[in-house]
Full PDB file with SEQRES, HELIX, SHEET, SSBOND, CRYST1, ORIGX, SCALE, CONECT and MASTER records, all heavy atoms in Angstrom:
SEQRES   1 A   41  ASP GLU LEU ALA GLN SER LEU ARG PHE THR ALA GLY ARG          
SEQRES   2 A   41  ALA THR PRO LEU ALA ALA ALA TYR ALA TYR PRO SER PRO          
SEQRES   3 A   41  TYR VAL PRO ARG LEU ALA ALA LEU ARG ASP PHE ALA ARG          
SEQRES   4 A   41  PRO SER                                                      
HELIX    1 AA1 GLU A    2  SER A    6  1                                   5    
HELIX    2 AA2 LEU A   17  ALA A   22  5                                   6    
HELIX    3 AA3 ALA A   32  ALA A   38  1                                   7    
CRYST1    1.000    1.000    1.000  90.00  90.00  90.00 P 1           1          
ORIGX1      1.000000  0.000000  0.000000        0.00000                         
ORIGX2      0.000000  1.000000  0.000000        0.00000                         
ORIGX3      0.000000  0.000000  1.000000        0.00000                         
SCALE1      1.000000  0.000000  0.000000        0.00000                         
SCALE2      0.000000  1.000000  0.000000        0.00000                         
SCALE3      0.000000  0.000000  1.000000        0.00000                         
ATOM      1  N   ASP A   1     -80.106  40.796 -45.598  1.00  0.00           N  
ATOM      2  CA  ASP A   1     -81.291  40.980 -46.442  1.00  0.00           C  
ATOM      3  C   ASP A   1     -82.288  39.912 -46.142  1.00  0.00           C  
ATOM      4  O   ASP A   1     -83.505  40.095 -46.189  1.00  0.00           O  
ATOM      5  CB  ASP A   1     -80.928  41.062 -47.924  1.00  0.00           C  
ATOM      6  CG  ASP A   1     -79.743  40.288 -48.287  1.00  0.00           C  
ATOM      7  OD1 ASP A   1     -79.266  39.396 -47.495  1.00  0.00           O  
ATOM      8  OD2 ASP A   1     -79.289  40.324 -49.369  1.00  0.00           O  
ATOM      9  N   GLU A   2     -81.766  38.653 -45.867  1.00  0.00           N  
ATOM     10  CA  GLU A   2     -82.800  37.568 -45.528  1.00  0.00           C  
ATOM     11  C   GLU A   2     -83.488  37.908 -44.156  1.00  0.00           C  
ATOM     12  O   GLU A   2     -84.615  37.588 -44.030  1.00  0.00           O  
ATOM     13  CB  GLU A   2     -81.935  36.229 -45.552  1.00  0.00           C  
ATOM     14  CG  GLU A   2     -81.434  35.840 -46.885  1.00  0.00           C  
ATOM     15  CD  GLU A   2     -80.752  34.446 -46.822  1.00  0.00           C  
ATOM     16  OE1 GLU A   2     -80.666  33.870 -45.737  1.00  0.00           O  
ATOM     17  OE2 GLU A   2     -80.133  34.124 -47.825  1.00  0.00           O  
ATOM     18  N   LEU A   3     -82.619  38.433 -43.217  1.00  0.00           N  
ATOM     19  CA  LEU A   3     -83.151  38.633 -41.899  1.00  0.00           C  
ATOM     20  C   LEU A   3     -84.163  39.798 -41.995  1.00  0.00           C  
ATOM     21  O   LEU A   3     -85.283  39.658 -41.432  1.00  0.00           O  
ATOM     22  CB  LEU A   3     -82.005  39.156 -41.019  1.00  0.00           C  
ATOM     23  CG  LEU A   3     -82.427  39.505 -39.582  1.00  0.00           C  
ATOM     24  CD1 LEU A   3     -83.054  38.238 -38.836  1.00  0.00           C  
ATOM     25  CD2 LEU A   3     -81.181  40.023 -38.818  1.00  0.00           C  
ATOM     26  N   ALA A   4     -83.874  40.863 -42.859  1.00  0.00           N  
ATOM     27  CA  ALA A   4     -84.929  41.952 -43.044  1.00  0.00           C  
ATOM     28  C   ALA A   4     -86.151  41.384 -43.652  1.00  0.00           C  
ATOM     29  O   ALA A   4     -87.266  41.808 -43.234  1.00  0.00           O  
ATOM     30  CB  ALA A   4     -84.292  42.968 -44.012  1.00  0.00           C  
ATOM     31  N   GLN A   5     -86.084  40.446 -44.540  1.00  0.00           N  
ATOM     32  CA  GLN A   5     -87.273  39.898 -45.153  1.00  0.00           C  
ATOM     33  C   GLN A   5     -88.065  39.143 -44.112  1.00  0.00           C  
ATOM     34  O   GLN A   5     -89.379  39.165 -44.154  1.00  0.00           O  
ATOM     35  CB  GLN A   5     -86.904  39.003 -46.421  1.00  0.00           C  
ATOM     36  CG  GLN A   5     -88.021  38.463 -47.195  1.00  0.00           C  
ATOM     37  CD  GLN A   5     -88.907  39.503 -47.780  1.00  0.00           C  
ATOM     38  OE1 GLN A   5     -88.321  40.441 -48.334  1.00  0.00           O  
ATOM     39  NE2 GLN A   5     -90.164  39.251 -47.865  1.00  0.00           N  
ATOM     40  N   SER A   6     -87.384  38.417 -43.242  1.00  0.00           N  
ATOM     41  CA  SER A   6     -88.190  37.627 -42.174  1.00  0.00           C  
ATOM     42  C   SER A   6     -88.887  38.480 -41.249  1.00  0.00           C  
ATOM     43  O   SER A   6     -89.885  38.005 -40.550  1.00  0.00           O  
ATOM     44  CB  SER A   6     -87.142  36.756 -41.478  1.00  0.00           C  
ATOM     45  OG  SER A   6     -86.372  37.531 -40.559  1.00  0.00           O  
ATOM     46  N   LEU A   7     -88.624  39.775 -41.096  1.00  0.00           N  
ATOM     47  CA  LEU A   7     -89.269  40.670 -40.179  1.00  0.00           C  
ATOM     48  C   LEU A   7     -90.471  41.397 -40.810  1.00  0.00           C  
ATOM     49  O   LEU A   7     -91.240  42.055 -40.100  1.00  0.00           O  
ATOM     50  CB  LEU A   7     -88.319  41.737 -39.725  1.00  0.00           C  
ATOM     51  CG  LEU A   7     -87.076  41.242 -38.931  1.00  0.00           C  
ATOM     52  CD1 LEU A   7     -86.177  42.444 -38.502  1.00  0.00           C  
ATOM     53  CD2 LEU A   7     -87.476  40.412 -37.667  1.00  0.00           C  
ATOM     54  N   ARG A   8     -90.667  41.230 -42.114  1.00  0.00           N  
ATOM     55  CA  ARG A   8     -91.904  41.768 -42.741  1.00  0.00           C  
ATOM     56  C   ARG A   8     -93.100  41.024 -42.381  1.00  0.00           C  
ATOM     57  O   ARG A   8     -93.072  39.814 -42.167  1.00  0.00           O  
ATOM     58  CB  ARG A   8     -91.690  41.782 -44.282  1.00  0.00           C  
ATOM     59  CG  ARG A   8     -90.538  42.626 -44.772  1.00  0.00           C  
ATOM     60  CD  ARG A   8     -90.414  42.512 -46.267  1.00  0.00           C  
ATOM     61  NE  ARG A   8     -89.139  43.104 -46.660  1.00  0.00           N  
ATOM     62  CZ  ARG A   8     -88.988  44.455 -46.931  1.00  0.00           C  
ATOM     63  NH1 ARG A   8     -90.062  45.203 -46.661  1.00  0.00           N  
ATOM     64  NH2 ARG A   8     -87.797  44.920 -47.350  1.00  0.00           N  
ATOM     65  N   PHE A   9     -94.215  41.780 -42.348  1.00  0.00           N  
ATOM     66  CA  PHE A   9     -95.552  41.144 -41.985  1.00  0.00           C  
ATOM     67  C   PHE A   9     -95.897  40.183 -43.050  1.00  0.00           C  
ATOM     68  O   PHE A   9     -95.903  40.441 -44.250  1.00  0.00           O  
ATOM     69  CB  PHE A   9     -96.589  42.112 -41.817  1.00  0.00           C  
ATOM     70  CG  PHE A   9     -97.965  41.617 -41.602  1.00  0.00           C  
ATOM     71  CD1 PHE A   9     -98.336  41.069 -40.423  1.00  0.00           C  
ATOM     72  CD2 PHE A   9     -98.852  41.710 -42.665  1.00  0.00           C  
ATOM     73  CE1 PHE A   9     -99.637  40.534 -40.244  1.00  0.00           C  
ATOM     74  CE2 PHE A   9    -100.131  41.112 -42.563  1.00  0.00           C  
ATOM     75  CZ  PHE A   9    -100.471  40.511 -41.305  1.00  0.00           C  
ATOM     76  N   THR A  10     -96.340  38.971 -42.641  1.00  0.00           N  
ATOM     77  CA  THR A  10     -96.903  37.969 -43.575  1.00  0.00           C  
ATOM     78  C   THR A  10     -98.217  37.392 -43.008  1.00  0.00           C  
ATOM     79  O   THR A  10     -98.207  36.909 -41.790  1.00  0.00           O  
ATOM     80  CB  THR A  10     -95.904  36.814 -43.764  1.00  0.00           C  
ATOM     81  OG1 THR A  10     -94.629  37.368 -44.315  1.00  0.00           O  
ATOM     82  CG2 THR A  10     -96.429  35.849 -44.822  1.00  0.00           C  
ATOM     83  N   ALA A  11     -99.211  37.569 -43.717  1.00  0.00           N  
ATOM     84  CA  ALA A  11    -100.588  37.063 -43.242  1.00  0.00           C  
ATOM     85  C   ALA A  11    -100.488  35.614 -42.850  1.00  0.00           C  
ATOM     86  O   ALA A  11     -99.983  34.717 -43.562  1.00  0.00           O  
ATOM     87  CB  ALA A  11    -101.670  37.293 -44.230  1.00  0.00           C  
ATOM     88  N   GLY A  12    -101.057  35.258 -41.652  1.00  0.00           N  
ATOM     89  CA  GLY A  12    -101.159  33.831 -41.208  1.00  0.00           C  
ATOM     90  C   GLY A  12     -99.746  33.373 -40.489  1.00  0.00           C  
ATOM     91  O   GLY A  12     -99.734  32.235 -40.118  1.00  0.00           O  
ATOM     92  N   ARG A  13     -98.826  34.192 -40.355  1.00  0.00           N  
ATOM     93  CA  ARG A  13     -97.583  33.906 -39.692  1.00  0.00           C  
ATOM     94  C   ARG A  13     -97.266  34.788 -38.527  1.00  0.00           C  
ATOM     95  O   ARG A  13     -97.577  35.995 -38.566  1.00  0.00           O  
ATOM     96  CB  ARG A  13     -96.392  34.071 -40.726  1.00  0.00           C  
ATOM     97  CG  ARG A  13     -95.027  33.719 -40.045  1.00  0.00           C  
ATOM     98  CD  ARG A  13     -93.954  33.867 -41.161  1.00  0.00           C  
ATOM     99  NE  ARG A  13     -93.734  35.273 -41.585  1.00  0.00           N  
ATOM    100  CZ  ARG A  13     -92.861  36.043 -40.983  1.00  0.00           C  
ATOM    101  NH1 ARG A  13     -92.186  35.600 -39.947  1.00  0.00           N  
ATOM    102  NH2 ARG A  13     -92.665  37.218 -41.455  1.00  0.00           N  
ATOM    103  N   ALA A  14     -96.876  34.214 -37.445  1.00  0.00           N  
ATOM    104  CA  ALA A  14     -96.585  34.951 -36.271  1.00  0.00           C  
ATOM    105  C   ALA A  14     -95.442  35.891 -36.577  1.00  0.00           C  
ATOM    106  O   ALA A  14     -94.426  35.527 -37.153  1.00  0.00           O  
ATOM    107  CB  ALA A  14     -96.205  34.009 -35.061  1.00  0.00           C  
ATOM    108  N   THR A  15     -95.549  37.240 -36.148  1.00  0.00           N  
ATOM    109  CA  THR A  15     -94.483  38.218 -36.389  1.00  0.00           C  
ATOM    110  C   THR A  15     -93.458  38.131 -35.300  1.00  0.00           C  
ATOM    111  O   THR A  15     -93.870  38.114 -34.166  1.00  0.00           O  
ATOM    112  CB  THR A  15     -95.169  39.592 -36.423  1.00  0.00           C  
ATOM    113  OG1 THR A  15     -96.147  39.576 -37.457  1.00  0.00           O  
ATOM    114  CG2 THR A  15     -94.089  40.660 -36.726  1.00  0.00           C  
ATOM    115  N   PRO A  16     -92.200  38.083 -35.650  1.00  0.00           N  
ATOM    116  CA  PRO A  16     -91.177  37.919 -34.614  1.00  0.00           C  
ATOM    117  C   PRO A  16     -91.169  39.211 -33.733  1.00  0.00           C  
ATOM    118  O   PRO A  16     -91.458  40.328 -34.247  1.00  0.00           O  
ATOM    119  CB  PRO A  16     -89.806  37.865 -35.494  1.00  0.00           C  
ATOM    120  CG  PRO A  16     -90.273  37.391 -36.817  1.00  0.00           C  
ATOM    121  CD  PRO A  16     -91.736  37.928 -37.041  1.00  0.00           C  
ATOM    122  N   LEU A  17     -90.831  39.031 -32.519  1.00  0.00           N  
ATOM    123  CA  LEU A  17     -90.748  40.195 -31.581  1.00  0.00           C  
ATOM    124  C   LEU A  17     -89.794  41.364 -32.160  1.00  0.00           C  
ATOM    125  O   LEU A  17     -90.049  42.480 -31.889  1.00  0.00           O  
ATOM    126  CB  LEU A  17     -90.304  39.788 -30.206  1.00  0.00           C  
ATOM    127  CG  LEU A  17     -91.292  38.917 -29.397  1.00  0.00           C  
ATOM    128  CD1 LEU A  17     -90.650  38.478 -28.004  1.00  0.00           C  
ATOM    129  CD2 LEU A  17     -92.581  39.757 -28.953  1.00  0.00           C  
ATOM    130  N   ALA A  18     -88.793  40.897 -32.733  1.00  0.00           N  
ATOM    131  CA  ALA A  18     -87.728  41.898 -33.239  1.00  0.00           C  
ATOM    132  C   ALA A  18     -88.435  42.890 -34.305  1.00  0.00           C  
ATOM    133  O   ALA A  18     -87.824  43.877 -34.605  1.00  0.00           O  
ATOM    134  CB  ALA A  18     -86.589  41.153 -33.842  1.00  0.00           C  
ATOM    135  N   ALA A  19     -89.554  42.416 -34.941  1.00  0.00           N  
ATOM    136  CA  ALA A  19     -90.077  43.257 -35.986  1.00  0.00           C  
ATOM    137  C   ALA A  19     -90.557  44.624 -35.415  1.00  0.00           C  
ATOM    138  O   ALA A  19     -90.633  45.630 -36.198  1.00  0.00           O  
ATOM    139  CB  ALA A  19     -91.386  42.435 -36.624  1.00  0.00           C  
ATOM    140  N   ALA A  20     -90.863  44.686 -34.111  1.00  0.00           N  
ATOM    141  CA  ALA A  20     -91.336  45.896 -33.466  1.00  0.00           C  
ATOM    142  C   ALA A  20     -90.188  46.991 -33.694  1.00  0.00           C  
ATOM    143  O   ALA A  20     -90.548  48.250 -33.518  1.00  0.00           O  
ATOM    144  CB  ALA A  20     -91.693  45.727 -32.034  1.00  0.00           C  
ATOM    145  N   TYR A  21     -88.948  46.587 -33.735  1.00  0.00           N  
ATOM    146  CA  TYR A  21     -87.797  47.581 -33.770  1.00  0.00           C  
ATOM    147  C   TYR A  21     -87.440  47.929 -35.200  1.00  0.00           C  
ATOM    148  O   TYR A  21     -86.516  48.680 -35.386  1.00  0.00           O  
ATOM    149  CB  TYR A  21     -86.730  47.009 -33.034  1.00  0.00           C  
ATOM    150  CG  TYR A  21     -86.954  46.719 -31.634  1.00  0.00           C  
ATOM    151  CD1 TYR A  21     -87.306  45.462 -31.172  1.00  0.00           C  
ATOM    152  CD2 TYR A  21     -86.959  47.702 -30.561  1.00  0.00           C  
ATOM    153  CE1 TYR A  21     -87.572  45.162 -29.867  1.00  0.00           C  
ATOM    154  CE2 TYR A  21     -87.178  47.485 -29.345  1.00  0.00           C  
ATOM    155  CZ  TYR A  21     -87.505  46.188 -28.964  1.00  0.00           C  
ATOM    156  OH  TYR A  21     -87.820  45.839 -27.619  1.00  0.00           O  
ATOM    157  N   ALA A  22     -88.238  47.388 -36.128  1.00  0.00           N  
ATOM    158  CA  ALA A  22     -87.833  47.766 -37.545  1.00  0.00           C  
ATOM    159  C   ALA A  22     -88.680  48.917 -38.152  1.00  0.00           C  
ATOM    160  O   ALA A  22     -88.519  49.281 -39.272  1.00  0.00           O  
ATOM    161  CB  ALA A  22     -88.142  46.505 -38.377  1.00  0.00           C  
ATOM    162  N   TYR A  23     -89.642  49.446 -37.388  1.00  0.00           N  
ATOM    163  CA  TYR A  23     -90.527  50.565 -37.732  1.00  0.00           C  
ATOM    164  C   TYR A  23     -89.783  51.899 -37.347  1.00  0.00           C  
ATOM    165  O   TYR A  23     -89.037  52.028 -36.446  1.00  0.00           O  
ATOM    166  CB  TYR A  23     -91.824  50.450 -37.146  1.00  0.00           C  
ATOM    167  CG  TYR A  23     -92.628  49.191 -37.557  1.00  0.00           C  
ATOM    168  CD1 TYR A  23     -92.795  48.149 -36.619  1.00  0.00           C  
ATOM    169  CD2 TYR A  23     -93.276  49.128 -38.786  1.00  0.00           C  
ATOM    170  CE1 TYR A  23     -93.397  47.047 -37.102  1.00  0.00           C  
ATOM    171  CE2 TYR A  23     -93.871  47.979 -39.162  1.00  0.00           C  
ATOM    172  CZ  TYR A  23     -94.009  46.920 -38.336  1.00  0.00           C  
ATOM    173  OH  TYR A  23     -94.654  45.869 -38.698  1.00  0.00           O  
ATOM    174  N   PRO A  24     -90.207  52.917 -38.159  1.00  0.00           N  
ATOM    175  CA  PRO A  24     -89.661  54.296 -37.851  1.00  0.00           C  
ATOM    176  C   PRO A  24     -90.207  54.795 -36.608  1.00  0.00           C  
ATOM    177  O   PRO A  24     -91.306  54.361 -36.195  1.00  0.00           O  
ATOM    178  CB  PRO A  24     -90.044  55.096 -39.049  1.00  0.00           C  
ATOM    179  CG  PRO A  24     -91.205  54.470 -39.647  1.00  0.00           C  
ATOM    180  CD  PRO A  24     -90.966  52.883 -39.373  1.00  0.00           C  
ATOM    181  N   SER A  25     -89.529  55.808 -35.951  1.00  0.00           N  
ATOM    182  CA  SER A  25     -90.052  56.393 -34.851  1.00  0.00           C  
ATOM    183  C   SER A  25     -89.809  57.953 -34.929  1.00  0.00           C  
ATOM    184  O   SER A  25     -89.103  58.420 -35.776  1.00  0.00           O  
ATOM    185  CB  SER A  25     -89.500  55.800 -33.573  1.00  0.00           C  
ATOM    186  OG  SER A  25     -87.932  56.193 -33.509  1.00  0.00           O  
ATOM    187  N   PRO A  26     -90.388  58.748 -33.985  1.00  0.00           N  
ATOM    188  CA  PRO A  26     -90.137  60.158 -33.975  1.00  0.00           C  
ATOM    189  C   PRO A  26     -88.631  60.530 -34.025  1.00  0.00           C  
ATOM    190  O   PRO A  26     -88.312  61.518 -34.778  1.00  0.00           O  
ATOM    191  CB  PRO A  26     -90.708  60.630 -32.719  1.00  0.00           C  
ATOM    192  CG  PRO A  26     -91.863  59.738 -32.515  1.00  0.00           C  
ATOM    193  CD  PRO A  26     -91.331  58.330 -32.889  1.00  0.00           C  
ATOM    194  N   TYR A  27     -87.836  59.778 -33.323  1.00  0.00           N  
ATOM    195  CA  TYR A  27     -86.495  60.172 -33.247  1.00  0.00           C  
ATOM    196  C   TYR A  27     -85.566  59.385 -34.331  1.00  0.00           C  
ATOM    197  O   TYR A  27     -84.507  59.663 -34.583  1.00  0.00           O  
ATOM    198  CB  TYR A  27     -85.811  59.920 -31.916  1.00  0.00           C  
ATOM    199  CG  TYR A  27     -86.268  60.811 -30.847  1.00  0.00           C  
ATOM    200  CD1 TYR A  27     -86.972  60.405 -29.754  1.00  0.00           C  
ATOM    201  CD2 TYR A  27     -86.043  62.253 -30.932  1.00  0.00           C  
ATOM    202  CE1 TYR A  27     -87.521  61.316 -28.881  1.00  0.00           C  
ATOM    203  CE2 TYR A  27     -86.348  63.124 -29.998  1.00  0.00           C  
ATOM    204  CZ  TYR A  27     -87.118  62.700 -28.897  1.00  0.00           C  
ATOM    205  OH  TYR A  27     -87.486  63.477 -27.965  1.00  0.00           O  
ATOM    206  N   VAL A  28     -86.222  58.324 -34.912  1.00  0.00           N  
ATOM    207  CA  VAL A  28     -85.451  57.537 -35.920  1.00  0.00           C  
ATOM    208  C   VAL A  28     -86.386  57.354 -37.178  1.00  0.00           C  
ATOM    209  O   VAL A  28     -86.896  56.258 -37.280  1.00  0.00           O  
ATOM    210  CB  VAL A  28     -85.016  56.086 -35.365  1.00  0.00           C  
ATOM    211  CG1 VAL A  28     -84.101  55.414 -36.372  1.00  0.00           C  
ATOM    212  CG2 VAL A  28     -84.235  56.321 -34.061  1.00  0.00           C  
ATOM    213  N   PRO A  29     -86.425  58.373 -37.971  1.00  0.00           N  
ATOM    214  CA  PRO A  29     -87.399  58.180 -39.141  1.00  0.00           C  
ATOM    215  C   PRO A  29     -86.611  57.520 -40.240  1.00  0.00           C  
ATOM    216  O   PRO A  29     -85.354  57.307 -40.233  1.00  0.00           O  
ATOM    217  CB  PRO A  29     -87.535  59.742 -39.562  1.00  0.00           C  
ATOM    218  CG  PRO A  29     -86.284  60.452 -39.144  1.00  0.00           C  
ATOM    219  CD  PRO A  29     -85.860  59.792 -37.782  1.00  0.00           C  
ATOM    220  N   ARG A  30     -87.324  57.120 -41.283  1.00  0.00           N  
ATOM    221  CA  ARG A  30     -86.664  56.449 -42.433  1.00  0.00           C  
ATOM    222  C   ARG A  30     -86.250  57.635 -43.383  1.00  0.00           C  
ATOM    223  O   ARG A  30     -87.037  58.335 -43.880  1.00  0.00           O  
ATOM    224  CB  ARG A  30     -87.580  55.542 -43.150  1.00  0.00           C  
ATOM    225  CG  ARG A  30     -87.841  54.292 -42.389  1.00  0.00           C  
ATOM    226  CD  ARG A  30     -88.607  53.321 -43.283  1.00  0.00           C  
ATOM    227  NE  ARG A  30     -88.702  51.997 -42.699  1.00  0.00           N  
ATOM    228  CZ  ARG A  30     -89.830  51.317 -42.533  1.00  0.00           C  
ATOM    229  NH1 ARG A  30     -90.966  51.766 -43.093  1.00  0.00           N  
ATOM    230  NH2 ARG A  30     -89.893  50.127 -41.824  1.00  0.00           N  
ATOM    231  N   LEU A  31     -84.866  57.777 -43.552  1.00  0.00           N  
ATOM    232  CA  LEU A  31     -84.371  58.789 -44.388  1.00  0.00           C  
ATOM    233  C   LEU A  31     -83.480  58.175 -45.430  1.00  0.00           C  
ATOM    234  O   LEU A  31     -82.621  57.322 -45.132  1.00  0.00           O  
ATOM    235  CB  LEU A  31     -83.539  59.739 -43.565  1.00  0.00           C  
ATOM    236  CG  LEU A  31     -84.331  60.533 -42.407  1.00  0.00           C  
ATOM    237  CD1 LEU A  31     -83.290  61.306 -41.633  1.00  0.00           C  
ATOM    238  CD2 LEU A  31     -85.461  61.316 -43.006  1.00  0.00           C  
ATOM    239  N   ALA A  32     -83.555  58.751 -46.708  1.00  0.00           N  
ATOM    240  CA  ALA A  32     -82.721  58.318 -47.852  1.00  0.00           C  
ATOM    241  C   ALA A  32     -81.296  58.519 -47.422  1.00  0.00           C  
ATOM    242  O   ALA A  32     -80.422  57.712 -47.770  1.00  0.00           O  
ATOM    243  CB  ALA A  32     -83.089  59.009 -49.073  1.00  0.00           C  
ATOM    244  N   ALA A  33     -80.974  59.625 -46.703  1.00  0.00           N  
ATOM    245  CA  ALA A  33     -79.559  59.939 -46.463  1.00  0.00           C  
ATOM    246  C   ALA A  33     -78.942  58.880 -45.472  1.00  0.00           C  
ATOM    247  O   ALA A  33     -77.772  58.478 -45.737  1.00  0.00           O  
ATOM    248  CB  ALA A  33     -79.519  61.292 -45.794  1.00  0.00           C  
ATOM    249  N   LEU A  34     -79.758  58.332 -44.503  1.00  0.00           N  
ATOM    250  CA  LEU A  34     -79.291  57.274 -43.749  1.00  0.00           C  
ATOM    251  C   LEU A  34     -79.122  55.959 -44.481  1.00  0.00           C  
ATOM    252  O   LEU A  34     -78.084  55.272 -44.301  1.00  0.00           O  
ATOM    253  CB  LEU A  34     -80.354  57.062 -42.541  1.00  0.00           C  
ATOM    254  CG  LEU A  34     -80.414  58.165 -41.545  1.00  0.00           C  
ATOM    255  CD1 LEU A  34     -81.423  57.824 -40.544  1.00  0.00           C  
ATOM    256  CD2 LEU A  34     -79.059  58.369 -40.784  1.00  0.00           C  
ATOM    257  N   ARG A  35     -79.989  55.745 -45.434  1.00  0.00           N  
ATOM    258  CA  ARG A  35     -79.837  54.460 -46.201  1.00  0.00           C  
ATOM    259  C   ARG A  35     -78.571  54.521 -47.108  1.00  0.00           C  
ATOM    260  O   ARG A  35     -77.858  53.583 -47.147  1.00  0.00           O  
ATOM    261  CB  ARG A  35     -81.133  54.339 -47.147  1.00  0.00           C  
ATOM    262  CG  ARG A  35     -81.315  53.047 -47.587  1.00  0.00           C  
ATOM    263  CD  ARG A  35     -82.703  52.775 -48.128  1.00  0.00           C  
ATOM    264  NE  ARG A  35     -83.242  53.847 -48.966  1.00  0.00           N  
ATOM    265  CZ  ARG A  35     -84.326  54.753 -48.601  1.00  0.00           C  
ATOM    266  NH1 ARG A  35     -84.923  54.579 -47.323  1.00  0.00           N  
ATOM    267  NH2 ARG A  35     -84.725  55.640 -49.274  1.00  0.00           N  
ATOM    268  N   ASP A  36     -78.412  55.706 -47.684  1.00  0.00           N  
ATOM    269  CA  ASP A  36     -77.208  55.962 -48.410  1.00  0.00           C  
ATOM    270  C   ASP A  36     -75.924  55.690 -47.682  1.00  0.00           C  
ATOM    271  O   ASP A  36     -74.821  55.142 -48.129  1.00  0.00           O  
ATOM    272  CB  ASP A  36     -77.213  57.254 -49.218  1.00  0.00           C  
ATOM    273  CG  ASP A  36     -78.337  57.365 -50.252  1.00  0.00           C  
ATOM    274  OD1 ASP A  36     -78.789  56.377 -50.700  1.00  0.00           O  
ATOM    275  OD2 ASP A  36     -78.720  58.499 -50.614  1.00  0.00           O  
ATOM    276  N   PHE A  37     -75.921  56.290 -46.433  1.00  0.00           N  
ATOM    277  CA  PHE A  37     -74.769  56.183 -45.579  1.00  0.00           C  
ATOM    278  C   PHE A  37     -74.418  54.740 -45.110  1.00  0.00           C  
ATOM    279  O   PHE A  37     -73.318  54.265 -45.144  1.00  0.00           O  
ATOM    280  CB  PHE A  37     -74.999  56.995 -44.326  1.00  0.00           C  
ATOM    281  CG  PHE A  37     -73.853  56.869 -43.322  1.00  0.00           C  
ATOM    282  CD1 PHE A  37     -72.665  57.646 -43.556  1.00  0.00           C  
ATOM    283  CD2 PHE A  37     -73.955  56.134 -42.119  1.00  0.00           C  
ATOM    284  CE1 PHE A  37     -71.594  57.544 -42.664  1.00  0.00           C  
ATOM    285  CE2 PHE A  37     -72.928  55.994 -41.301  1.00  0.00           C  
ATOM    286  CZ  PHE A  37     -71.702  56.673 -41.473  1.00  0.00           C  
ATOM    287  N   ALA A  38     -75.481  53.980 -44.915  1.00  0.00           N  
ATOM    288  CA  ALA A  38     -75.260  52.567 -44.521  1.00  0.00           C  
ATOM    289  C   ALA A  38     -75.008  51.561 -45.673  1.00  0.00           C  
ATOM    290  O   ALA A  38     -74.335  50.539 -45.461  1.00  0.00           O  
ATOM    291  CB  ALA A  38     -76.560  52.130 -43.715  1.00  0.00           C  
ATOM    292  N   ARG A  39     -75.367  51.933 -46.860  1.00  0.00           N  
ATOM    293  CA  ARG A  39     -75.351  50.861 -48.015  1.00  0.00           C  
ATOM    294  C   ARG A  39     -74.013  50.375 -48.226  1.00  0.00           C  
ATOM    295  O   ARG A  39     -73.941  49.077 -48.529  1.00  0.00           O  
ATOM    296  CB  ARG A  39     -75.904  51.676 -49.270  1.00  0.00           C  
ATOM    297  CG  ARG A  39     -75.950  50.661 -50.536  1.00  0.00           C  
ATOM    298  CD  ARG A  39     -76.636  51.260 -51.674  1.00  0.00           C  
ATOM    299  NE  ARG A  39     -78.054  51.496 -51.411  1.00  0.00           N  
ATOM    300  CZ  ARG A  39     -78.725  52.627 -51.375  1.00  0.00           C  
ATOM    301  NH1 ARG A  39     -78.174  53.738 -51.508  1.00  0.00           N  
ATOM    302  NH2 ARG A  39     -80.071  52.634 -51.256  1.00  0.00           N  
ATOM    303  N   PRO A  40     -72.892  51.056 -48.126  1.00  0.00           N  
ATOM    304  CA  PRO A  40     -71.636  50.483 -48.413  1.00  0.00           C  
ATOM    305  C   PRO A  40     -71.295  49.292 -47.438  1.00  0.00           C  
ATOM    306  O   PRO A  40     -70.489  48.324 -47.869  1.00  0.00           O  
ATOM    307  CB  PRO A  40     -70.565  51.627 -48.199  1.00  0.00           C  
ATOM    308  CG  PRO A  40     -71.309  52.799 -48.465  1.00  0.00           C  
ATOM    309  CD  PRO A  40     -72.754  52.546 -48.006  1.00  0.00           C  
ATOM    310  N   SER A  41     -71.847  49.342 -46.307  1.00  0.00           N  
ATOM    311  CA  SER A  41     -71.582  48.270 -45.336  1.00  0.00           C  
ATOM    312  C   SER A  41     -72.453  47.022 -45.533  1.00  0.00           C  
ATOM    313  O   SER A  41     -72.156  45.909 -45.091  1.00  0.00           O  
ATOM    314  CB  SER A  41     -71.702  48.770 -43.879  1.00  0.00           C  
ATOM    315  OG  SER A  41     -70.732  49.711 -43.627  1.00  0.00           O  
TER     316      SER A  41                                                      
MASTER        0    0    0    3    0    0    0    6  315    1    0    4          
END                                                                             
């Protein structure tokens, strides 16, 4: 959760390269079902 927070955009701060992989895409959308599946881990 700390790592996820560090990838969020913050004005005046350089965005880490890994942040580009945190956005949804046509084949990997943000879905509640995926979130629910991953949450136990």
